Amino acid sequence: MIRQLLLISILVLAGVLSLQAQSADSDEIDSLLEQAEERFEDHDDEGSLELYLRVLDKDDENLEALWNAAIIKVRIGFRQDDERDQGDYYQRAFELAEKALHLYPEDGHANYAWAAAQGRMTDLIGTRDRIRAAHEIEEKVSKAAEKIPDYAPVWHIWGVWHSEVANVSRAERTAARFISGGLPDGSSEKAEEYLKKAIELDGENILFRLDLPRHYLEIGENGQAKELLEKIIEMEPKSKDDPGKLEEAEELLNEFS
């Protein structure tokens, strides 16, 4: 009887210690996630990424860490001058996003991160693969827009997708005829609508504002583009990428002179 009571006591104690350890891990993960979000809002991508990766070391299925780490790797990759370095960042971003989507296929942020990572990877692949990827991106970003309709980046990427597909080169349009599925349906009208929606949700984002006049220039609406560019160059930079975007806006505006 004493031996049985001792064994029960040991098992109960082990269970209590296990729960305490799990609680401590959970508290630490919550703290890391909070710090990572703060770093991201302060435009410290590298610091934020480091914290999200620490979360994944403790919980490799953490949704918040997976999709955020994927997006940050896309952002950092885009800043790289060397195409090989870009590809490395985009590939790792895609792996993180694909894992998030596999584990949480109905989550809007997982679908958005997958679309963003795949979208950047298409910059580095051939025409046939790019056309095939466009269909997959359409599916994922459409679901993201359905799941998280108040998240501005979703509408931004959705608008850019429509603009790019609606205005593909003649060579790519011809190539699409020989590819299963052909070219997806892109709409200049939806590009304008969705980019405007992104701006409505986040009017301080210079990238969102710049991609609308870029679209207008693509479709020959130069007057509207010029009007928007004049407003953009008056904006104050907030992120490390903003000065470059403002410089691009000024260069585009100078072309009207």
C-alpha atoms as a PDB file:
ATOM      1  CA  MET A   1       0.000   0.000   0.000  1.00  0.00           C
ATOM      2  CA  ILE A   2       2.779   2.445   0.923  1.00  0.00           C
ATOM      3  CA  ARG A   3       4.614   1.595  -2.289  1.00  0.00           C
ATOM      4  CA  GLN A   4       1.462   2.249  -4.340  1.00  0.00           C
ATOM      5  CA  LEU A   5       0.881   5.592  -2.616  1.00  0.00           C
ATOM      6  CA  LEU A   6       4.503   6.552  -3.228  1.00  0.00           C
ATOM      7  CA  LEU A   7       4.196   5.650  -6.918  1.00  0.00           C
ATOM      8  CA  ILE A   8       0.998   7.691  -7.255  1.00  0.00           C
ATOM      9  CA  SER A   9       2.656  10.652  -5.554  1.00  0.00           C
ATOM     10  CA  ILE A  10       5.613  10.459  -7.953  1.00  0.00           C
ATOM     11  CA  LEU A  11       3.297  10.324 -10.991  1.00  0.00           C
ATOM     12  CA  VAL A  12       1.230  13.263  -9.744  1.00  0.00           C
ATOM     13  CA  LEU A  13       4.376  15.290  -9.087  1.00  0.00           C
ATOM     14  CA  ALA A  14       5.711  14.472 -12.559  1.00  0.00           C
ATOM     15  CA  GLY A  15       2.433  15.605 -14.071  1.00  0.00           C
ATOM     16  CA  VAL A  16       2.493  18.857 -12.151  1.00  0.00           C
ATOM     17  CA  LEU A  17       6.075  19.554 -13.180  1.00  0.00           C
ATOM     18  CA  SER A  18       5.229  18.797 -16.813  1.00  0.00           C
ATOM     19  CA  LEU A  19       2.301  21.212 -16.754  1.00  0.00           C
ATOM     20  CA  GLN A  20       4.463  23.873 -15.146  1.00  0.00           C
ATOM     21  CA  ALA A  21       7.120  23.415 -17.842  1.00  0.00           C
ATOM     22  CA  GLN A  22       4.503  23.659 -20.591  1.00  0.00           C
ATOM     23  CA  SER A  23       3.067  26.781 -19.009  1.00  0.00           C
ATOM     24  CA  ALA A  24       6.529  28.338 -18.781  1.00  0.00           C
ATOM     25  CA  ASP A  25       7.203  27.543 -22.457  1.00  0.00           C
ATOM     26  CA  SER A  26       3.830  28.995 -23.420  1.00  0.00           C
ATOM     27  CA  ASP A  27       4.525  32.181 -21.465  1.00  0.00           C
ATOM     28  CA  GLU A  28       7.941  32.534 -23.102  1.00  0.00           C
ATOM     29  CA  ILE A  29       6.483  32.016 -26.584  1.00  0.00           C
ATOM     30  CA  ASP A  30       3.798  34.623 -25.921  1.00  0.00           C
ATOM     31  CA  SER A  31       6.474  37.057 -24.767  1.00  0.00           C
ATOM     32  CA  LEU A  32       8.630  36.390 -27.842  1.00  0.00           C
ATOM     33  CA  LEU A  33       5.661  36.877 -30.161  1.00  0.00           C
ATOM     34  CA  GLU A  34       4.792  40.164 -28.500  1.00  0.00           C
ATOM     35  CA  GLN A  35       8.371  41.396 -28.791  1.00  0.00           C
ATOM     36  CA  ALA A  36       8.546  40.269 -32.435  1.00  0.00           C
ATOM     37  CA  GLU A  37       5.404  42.208 -33.302  1.00  0.00           C
ATOM     38  CA  GLU A  38       6.769  45.315 -31.603  1.00  0.00           C
ATOM     39  CA  ARG A  39      10.036  45.026 -33.548  1.00  0.00           C
ATOM     40  CA  PHE A  40       8.098  44.616 -36.788  1.00  0.00           C
ATOM     41  CA  GLU A  41       5.987  47.700 -36.092  1.00  0.00           C
ATOM     42  CA  ASP A  42       9.242  49.589 -35.453  1.00  0.00           C
ATOM     43  CA  HIS A  43      10.419  48.469 -38.929  1.00  0.00           C
ATOM     44  CA  ASP A  44      13.159  46.263 -37.462  1.00  0.00           C
ATOM     45  CA  ASP A  45      12.721  43.309 -39.801  1.00  0.00           C
ATOM     46  CA  GLU A  46      15.921  41.530 -38.820  1.00  0.00           C
ATOM     47  CA  GLY A  47      15.200  41.794 -35.092  1.00  0.00           C
ATOM     48  CA  SER A  48      11.616  40.683 -35.566  1.00  0.00           C
ATOM     49  CA  LEU A  49      12.649  37.729 -37.726  1.00  0.00           C
ATOM     50  CA  GLU A  50      15.162  36.563 -35.135  1.00  0.00           C
ATOM     51  CA  LEU A  51      12.427  36.468 -32.490  1.00  0.00           C
ATOM     52  CA  TYR A  52       9.969  34.611 -34.712  1.00  0.00           C
ATOM     53  CA  LEU A  53      12.640  32.027 -35.492  1.00  0.00           C
ATOM     54  CA  ARG A  54      13.242  31.588 -31.760  1.00  0.00           C
ATOM     55  CA  VAL A  55       9.546  30.849 -31.388  1.00  0.00           C
ATOM     56  CA  LEU A  56       9.807  28.212 -34.121  1.00  0.00           C
ATOM     57  CA  ASP A  57      12.725  26.611 -32.295  1.00  0.00           C
ATOM     58  CA  LYS A  58      10.344  26.028 -29.402  1.00  0.00           C
ATOM     59  CA  ASP A  59       7.194  25.340 -31.418  1.00  0.00           C
ATOM     60  CA  ASP A  60       7.807  24.589 -35.088  1.00  0.00           C
ATOM     61  CA  GLU A  61       4.067  24.622 -35.829  1.00  0.00           C
ATOM     62  CA  ASN A  62       3.336  28.059 -34.433  1.00  0.00           C
ATOM     63  CA  LEU A  63       1.147  29.728 -37.045  1.00  0.00           C
ATOM     64  CA  GLU A  64       1.908  33.334 -36.107  1.00  0.00           C
ATOM     65  CA  ALA A  65       5.652  32.747 -36.253  1.00  0.00           C
ATOM     66  CA  LEU A  66       5.490  30.766 -39.496  1.00  0.00           C
ATOM     67  CA  TRP A  67       3.592  33.259 -41.625  1.00  0.00           C
ATOM     68  CA  ASN A  68       5.283  36.342 -40.175  1.00  0.00           C
ATOM     69  CA  ALA A  69       8.757  34.867 -40.641  1.00  0.00           C
ATOM     70  CA  ALA A  70       7.851  34.036 -44.240  1.00  0.00           C
ATOM     71  CA  ILE A  71       6.714  37.595 -44.973  1.00  0.00           C
ATOM     72  CA  ILE A  72       9.790  39.141 -43.361  1.00  0.00           C
ATOM     73  CA  LYS A  73      12.091  36.901 -45.380  1.00  0.00           C
ATOM     74  CA  VAL A  74      10.294  38.051 -48.518  1.00  0.00           C
ATOM     75  CA  ARG A  75      10.838  41.688 -47.504  1.00  0.00           C
ATOM     76  CA  ILE A  76      14.519  41.184 -46.700  1.00  0.00           C
ATOM     77  CA  GLY A  77      15.028  39.150 -49.866  1.00  0.00           C
ATOM     78  CA  PHE A  78      13.606  41.921 -52.029  1.00  0.00           C
ATOM     79  CA  ARG A  79      16.314  44.270 -50.722  1.00  0.00           C
ATOM     80  CA  GLN A  80      19.145  41.994 -51.861  1.00  0.00           C
ATOM     81  CA  ASP A  81      21.169  43.142 -54.863  1.00  0.00           C
ATOM     82  CA  ASP A  82      22.364  39.675 -55.791  1.00  0.00           C
ATOM     83  CA  GLU A  83      19.771  37.468 -57.502  1.00  0.00           C
ATOM     84  CA  ARG A  84      21.149  34.341 -55.833  1.00  0.00           C
ATOM     85  CA  ASP A  85      20.739  35.898 -52.391  1.00  0.00           C
ATOM     86  CA  GLN A  86      17.220  36.940 -53.329  1.00  0.00           C
ATOM     87  CA  GLY A  87      16.425  33.399 -54.378  1.00  0.00           C
ATOM     88  CA  ASP A  88      17.727  31.988 -51.100  1.00  0.00           C
ATOM     89  CA  TYR A  89      15.496  34.290 -49.051  1.00  0.00           C
ATOM     90  CA  TYR A  90      12.460  33.677 -51.250  1.00  0.00           C
ATOM     91  CA  GLN A  91      12.951  29.915 -51.126  1.00  0.00           C
ATOM     92  CA  ARG A  92      13.132  29.877 -47.342  1.00  0.00           C
ATOM     93  CA  ALA A  93      10.128  32.193 -47.173  1.00  0.00           C
ATOM     94  CA  PHE A  94       8.199  29.823 -49.409  1.00  0.00           C
ATOM     95  CA  GLU A  95       9.127  26.821 -47.255  1.00  0.00           C
ATOM     96  CA  LEU A  96       7.853  28.565 -44.121  1.00  0.00           C
ATOM     97  CA  ALA A  97       4.667  29.707 -45.862  1.00  0.00           C
ATOM     98  CA  GLU A  98       4.048  26.283 -47.368  1.00  0.00           C
ATOM     99  CA  LYS A  99       4.365  24.682 -43.939  1.00  0.00           C
ATOM    100  CA  ALA A 100       1.923  27.223 -42.500  1.00  0.00           C
ATOM    101  CA  LEU A 101      -0.525  26.506 -45.312  1.00  0.00           C
ATOM    102  CA  HIS A 102      -0.154  22.745 -44.920  1.00  0.00           C
ATOM    103  CA  LEU A 103      -0.890  22.940 -41.193  1.00  0.00           C
ATOM    104  CA  TYR A 104      -3.560  25.653 -41.410  1.00  0.00           C
ATOM    105  CA  PRO A 105      -5.048  25.493 -44.935  1.00  0.00           C
ATOM    106  CA  GLU A 106      -8.071  27.645 -44.062  1.00  0.00           C
ATOM    107  CA  ASP A 107      -6.145  30.424 -42.351  1.00  0.00           C
ATOM    108  CA  GLY A 108      -6.154  33.733 -44.207  1.00  0.00           C
ATOM    109  CA  HIS A 109      -2.653  34.789 -43.151  1.00  0.00           C
ATOM    110  CA  ALA A 110      -1.184  31.428 -44.177  1.00  0.00           C
ATOM    111  CA  ASN A 111      -2.749  31.785 -47.632  1.00  0.00           C
ATOM    112  CA  TYR A 112      -1.548  35.383 -47.901  1.00  0.00           C
ATOM    113  CA  ALA A 113       2.027  34.490 -46.923  1.00  0.00           C
ATOM    114  CA  TRP A 114       2.083  31.649 -49.462  1.00  0.00           C
ATOM    115  CA  ALA A 115       0.856  33.960 -52.223  1.00  0.00           C
ATOM    116  CA  ALA A 116       3.402  36.644 -51.292  1.00  0.00           C
ATOM    117  CA  ALA A 117       6.325  34.200 -51.226  1.00  0.00           C
ATOM    118  CA  GLN A 118       5.309  32.484 -54.454  1.00  0.00           C
ATOM    119  CA  GLY A 119       4.731  35.853 -56.083  1.00  0.00           C
ATOM    120  CA  ARG A 120       8.273  36.967 -55.384  1.00  0.00           C
ATOM    121  CA  MET A 121       9.707  33.653 -56.557  1.00  0.00           C
ATOM    122  CA  THR A 122       8.024  34.169 -59.927  1.00  0.00           C
ATOM    123  CA  ASP A 123      10.398  37.087 -60.509  1.00  0.00           C
ATOM    124  CA  LEU A 124      13.194  34.549 -60.814  1.00  0.00           C
ATOM    125  CA  ILE A 125      11.598  31.814 -62.939  1.00  0.00           C
ATOM    126  CA  GLY A 126      10.742  31.369 -66.603  1.00  0.00           C
ATOM    127  CA  THR A 127       7.572  32.372 -68.400  1.00  0.00           C
ATOM    128  CA  ARG A 128       5.907  28.946 -68.358  1.00  0.00           C
ATOM    129  CA  ASP A 129       6.467  28.423 -64.641  1.00  0.00           C
ATOM    130  CA  ARG A 130       5.359  31.994 -63.945  1.00  0.00           C
ATOM    131  CA  ILE A 131       2.055  31.456 -65.754  1.00  0.00           C
ATOM    132  CA  ARG A 132       1.413  28.216 -63.903  1.00  0.00           C
ATOM    133  CA  ALA A 133       2.206  29.905 -60.591  1.00  0.00           C
ATOM    134  CA  ALA A 134      -0.220  32.724 -61.377  1.00  0.00           C
ATOM    135  CA  HIS A 135      -3.151  30.305 -61.092  1.00  0.00           C
ATOM    136  CA  GLU A 136      -1.991  29.078 -57.685  1.00  0.00           C
ATOM    137  CA  ILE A 137      -1.430  32.611 -56.440  1.00  0.00           C
ATOM    138  CA  GLU A 138      -4.931  33.559 -57.592  1.00  0.00           C
ATOM    139  CA  GLU A 139      -6.428  30.714 -55.572  1.00  0.00           C
ATOM    140  CA  LYS A 140      -4.521  31.504 -52.383  1.00  0.00           C
ATOM    141  CA  VAL A 141      -4.902  35.282 -52.385  1.00  0.00           C
ATOM    142  CA  SER A 142      -8.600  34.935 -53.187  1.00  0.00           C
ATOM    143  CA  LYS A 143      -9.061  32.787 -50.103  1.00  0.00           C
ATOM    144  CA  ALA A 144      -6.996  35.209 -48.018  1.00  0.00           C
ATOM    145  CA  ALA A 145      -9.233  38.091 -49.109  1.00  0.00           C
ATOM    146  CA  GLU A 146     -12.259  36.046 -48.072  1.00  0.00           C
ATOM    147  CA  LYS A 147     -10.820  35.115 -44.669  1.00  0.00           C
ATOM    148  CA  ILE A 148      -9.182  38.425 -43.651  1.00  0.00           C
ATOM    149  CA  PRO A 149     -10.966  41.141 -45.647  1.00  0.00           C
ATOM    150  CA  ASP A 150      -9.747  43.946 -43.381  1.00  0.00           C
ATOM    151  CA  TYR A 151      -6.065  43.133 -43.876  1.00  0.00           C
ATOM    152  CA  ALA A 152      -4.672  45.734 -46.289  1.00  0.00           C
ATOM    153  CA  PRO A 153      -1.673  43.734 -47.632  1.00  0.00           C
ATOM    154  CA  VAL A 154      -4.047  41.107 -49.029  1.00  0.00           C
ATOM    155  CA  TRP A 155      -5.814  43.675 -51.205  1.00  0.00           C
ATOM    156  CA  HIS A 156      -2.476  45.143 -52.242  1.00  0.00           C
ATOM    157  CA  ILE A 157      -1.125  41.839 -53.508  1.00  0.00           C
ATOM    158  CA  TRP A 158      -4.507  41.033 -55.081  1.00  0.00           C
ATOM    159  CA  GLY A 159      -4.484  44.360 -56.924  1.00  0.00           C
ATOM    160  CA  VAL A 160      -0.892  43.932 -58.099  1.00  0.00           C
ATOM    161  CA  TRP A 161      -1.718  40.416 -59.315  1.00  0.00           C
ATOM    162  CA  HIS A 162      -4.616  41.706 -61.413  1.00  0.00           C
ATOM    163  CA  SER A 163      -2.506  44.542 -62.816  1.00  0.00           C
ATOM    164  CA  GLU A 164       0.344  42.245 -63.818  1.00  0.00           C
ATOM    165  CA  VAL A 165      -1.884  39.558 -65.340  1.00  0.00           C
ATOM    166  CA  ALA A 166      -4.071  42.046 -67.209  1.00  0.00           C
ATOM    167  CA  ASN A 167      -0.997  43.725 -68.690  1.00  0.00           C
ATOM    168  CA  VAL A 168       1.311  40.811 -69.522  1.00  0.00           C
ATOM    169  CA  SER A 169       3.550  41.123 -72.524  1.00  0.00           C
ATOM    170  CA  ARG A 170       2.464  39.841 -75.920  1.00  0.00           C
ATOM    171  CA  ALA A 171       5.133  37.127 -75.719  1.00  0.00           C
ATOM    172  CA  GLU A 172       3.817  35.818 -72.394  1.00  0.00           C
ATOM    173  CA  ARG A 173       0.223  35.952 -73.640  1.00  0.00           C
ATOM    174  CA  THR A 174       1.240  33.920 -76.690  1.00  0.00           C
ATOM    175  CA  ALA A 175       3.134  31.403 -74.545  1.00  0.00           C
ATOM    176  CA  ALA A 176       0.110  30.993 -72.284  1.00  0.00           C
ATOM    177  CA  ARG A 177      -1.872  29.499 -75.177  1.00  0.00           C
ATOM    178  CA  PHE A 178       0.351  26.441 -75.081  1.00  0.00           C
ATOM    179  CA  ILE A 179       0.191  25.911 -71.318  1.00  0.00           C
ATOM    180  CA  SER A 180      -2.509  23.927 -69.566  1.00  0.00           C
ATOM    181  CA  GLY A 181      -4.926  26.345 -67.953  1.00  0.00           C
ATOM    182  CA  GLY A 182      -3.712  29.234 -70.064  1.00  0.00           C
ATOM    183  CA  LEU A 183      -3.477  32.727 -68.661  1.00  0.00           C
ATOM    184  CA  PRO A 184      -5.721  33.441 -65.651  1.00  0.00           C
ATOM    185  CA  ASP A 185      -8.261  36.242 -65.884  1.00  0.00           C
ATOM    186  CA  GLY A 186      -6.721  39.523 -64.796  1.00  0.00           C
ATOM    187  CA  SER A 187      -8.698  42.751 -64.748  1.00  0.00           C
ATOM    188  CA  SER A 188      -7.389  46.304 -64.847  1.00  0.00           C
ATOM    189  CA  GLU A 189     -10.638  47.433 -63.225  1.00  0.00           C
ATOM    190  CA  LYS A 190     -10.167  45.024 -60.322  1.00  0.00           C
ATOM    191  CA  ALA A 191      -6.522  46.055 -60.039  1.00  0.00           C
ATOM    192  CA  GLU A 192      -7.623  49.647 -59.507  1.00  0.00           C
ATOM    193  CA  GLU A 193     -10.423  48.652 -57.128  1.00  0.00           C
ATOM    194  CA  TYR A 194      -8.257  46.406 -54.955  1.00  0.00           C
ATOM    195  CA  LEU A 195      -5.295  48.783 -54.806  1.00  0.00           C
ATOM    196  CA  LYS A 196      -7.655  51.555 -53.733  1.00  0.00           C
ATOM    197  CA  LYS A 197      -9.082  49.258 -51.067  1.00  0.00           C
ATOM    198  CA  ALA A 198      -5.578  48.566 -49.725  1.00  0.00           C
ATOM    199  CA  ILE A 199      -4.977  52.323 -49.524  1.00  0.00           C
ATOM    200  CA  GLU A 200      -8.300  52.859 -47.742  1.00  0.00           C
ATOM    201  CA  LEU A 201      -7.257  50.324 -45.117  1.00  0.00           C
ATOM    202  CA  ASP A 202      -3.676  51.614 -44.767  1.00  0.00           C
ATOM    203  CA  GLY A 203      -3.306  55.080 -46.233  1.00  0.00           C
ATOM    204  CA  GLU A 204       0.183  55.649 -44.791  1.00  0.00           C
ATOM    205  CA  ASN A 205       1.765  52.797 -46.708  1.00  0.00           C
ATOM    206  CA  ILE A 206       3.869  54.350 -49.464  1.00  0.00           C
ATOM    207  CA  LEU A 207       4.218  51.078 -51.396  1.00  0.00           C
ATOM    208  CA  PHE A 208       0.444  50.688 -51.638  1.00  0.00           C
ATOM    209  CA  ARG A 209       0.110  54.271 -52.836  1.00  0.00           C
ATOM    210  CA  LEU A 210       2.921  53.913 -55.372  1.00  0.00           C
ATOM    211  CA  ASP A 211       1.566  50.750 -56.964  1.00  0.00           C
ATOM    212  CA  LEU A 212      -1.655  52.513 -57.952  1.00  0.00           C
ATOM    213  CA  PRO A 213       0.036  55.106 -60.233  1.00  0.00           C
ATOM    214  CA  ARG A 214       2.288  52.324 -61.507  1.00  0.00           C
ATOM    215  CA  HIS A 215      -0.882  50.564 -62.596  1.00  0.00           C
ATOM    216  CA  TYR A 216      -2.281  53.733 -64.168  1.00  0.00           C
ATOM    217  CA  LEU A 217       0.917  54.132 -66.176  1.00  0.00           C
ATOM    218  CA  GLU A 218       0.568  50.540 -67.398  1.00  0.00           C
ATOM    219  CA  ILE A 219      -2.911  51.240 -68.781  1.00  0.00           C
ATOM    220  CA  GLY A 220      -2.120  54.692 -70.138  1.00  0.00           C
ATOM    221  CA  GLU A 221      -3.945  56.741 -67.507  1.00  0.00           C
ATOM    222  CA  ASN A 222      -1.048  59.177 -67.198  1.00  0.00           C
ATOM    223  CA  GLY A 223      -3.078  62.063 -65.813  1.00  0.00           C
ATOM    224  CA  GLN A 224      -4.282  60.053 -62.838  1.00  0.00           C
ATOM    225  CA  ALA A 225      -0.791  58.663 -62.294  1.00  0.00           C
ATOM    226  CA  LYS A 226       0.756  62.139 -62.276  1.00  0.00           C
ATOM    227  CA  GLU A 227      -1.790  63.439 -59.767  1.00  0.00           C
ATOM    228  CA  LEU A 228      -1.090  60.589 -57.352  1.00  0.00           C
ATOM    229  CA  LEU A 229       2.688  60.778 -57.734  1.00  0.00           C
ATOM    230  CA  GLU A 230       2.604  64.483 -56.807  1.00  0.00           C
ATOM    231  CA  LYS A 231       0.924  63.531 -53.532  1.00  0.00           C
ATOM    232  CA  ILE A 232       3.224  60.600 -52.835  1.00  0.00           C
ATOM    233  CA  ILE A 233       6.444  62.621 -52.980  1.00  0.00           C
ATOM    234  CA  GLU A 234       5.089  64.789 -50.146  1.00  0.00           C
ATOM    235  CA  MET A 235       4.765  61.792 -47.802  1.00  0.00           C
ATOM    236  CA  GLU A 236       7.140  61.180 -44.897  1.00  0.00           C
ATOM    237  CA  PRO A 237       9.188  57.957 -45.006  1.00  0.00           C
ATOM    238  CA  LYS A 238       8.595  55.516 -42.173  1.00  0.00           C
ATOM    239  CA  SER A 239      10.304  52.263 -43.126  1.00  0.00           C
ATOM    240  CA  LYS A 240      13.818  51.669 -44.446  1.00  0.00           C
ATOM    241  CA  ASP A 241      12.329  50.940 -47.881  1.00  0.00           C
ATOM    242  CA  ASP A 242      10.332  54.174 -48.086  1.00  0.00           C
ATOM    243  CA  PRO A 243      13.144  56.503 -49.236  1.00  0.00           C
ATOM    244  CA  GLY A 244      13.709  54.293 -52.264  1.00  0.00           C
ATOM    245  CA  LYS A 245       9.994  54.270 -53.061  1.00  0.00           C
ATOM    246  CA  LEU A 246       9.805  58.052 -52.760  1.00  0.00           C
ATOM    247  CA  GLU A 247      12.808  58.357 -55.065  1.00  0.00           C
ATOM    248  CA  GLU A 248      11.091  56.108 -57.600  1.00  0.00           C
ATOM    249  CA  ALA A 249       7.928  58.205 -57.361  1.00  0.00           C
ATOM    250  CA  GLU A 250       9.947  61.338 -58.067  1.00  0.00           C
ATOM    251  CA  GLU A 251      11.685  59.703 -61.037  1.00  0.00           C
ATOM    252  CA  LEU A 252       8.337  58.666 -62.497  1.00  0.00           C
ATOM    253  CA  LEU A 253       7.001  62.153 -61.971  1.00  0.00           C
ATOM    254  CA  ASN A 254      10.029  63.711 -63.685  1.00  0.00           C
ATOM    255  CA  GLU A 255       9.208  61.726 -66.810  1.00  0.00           C
ATOM    256  CA  PHE A 256       6.205  64.004 -67.270  1.00  0.00           C
ATOM    257  CA  SER A 257       8.439  67.098 -67.457  1.00  0.00           C
END
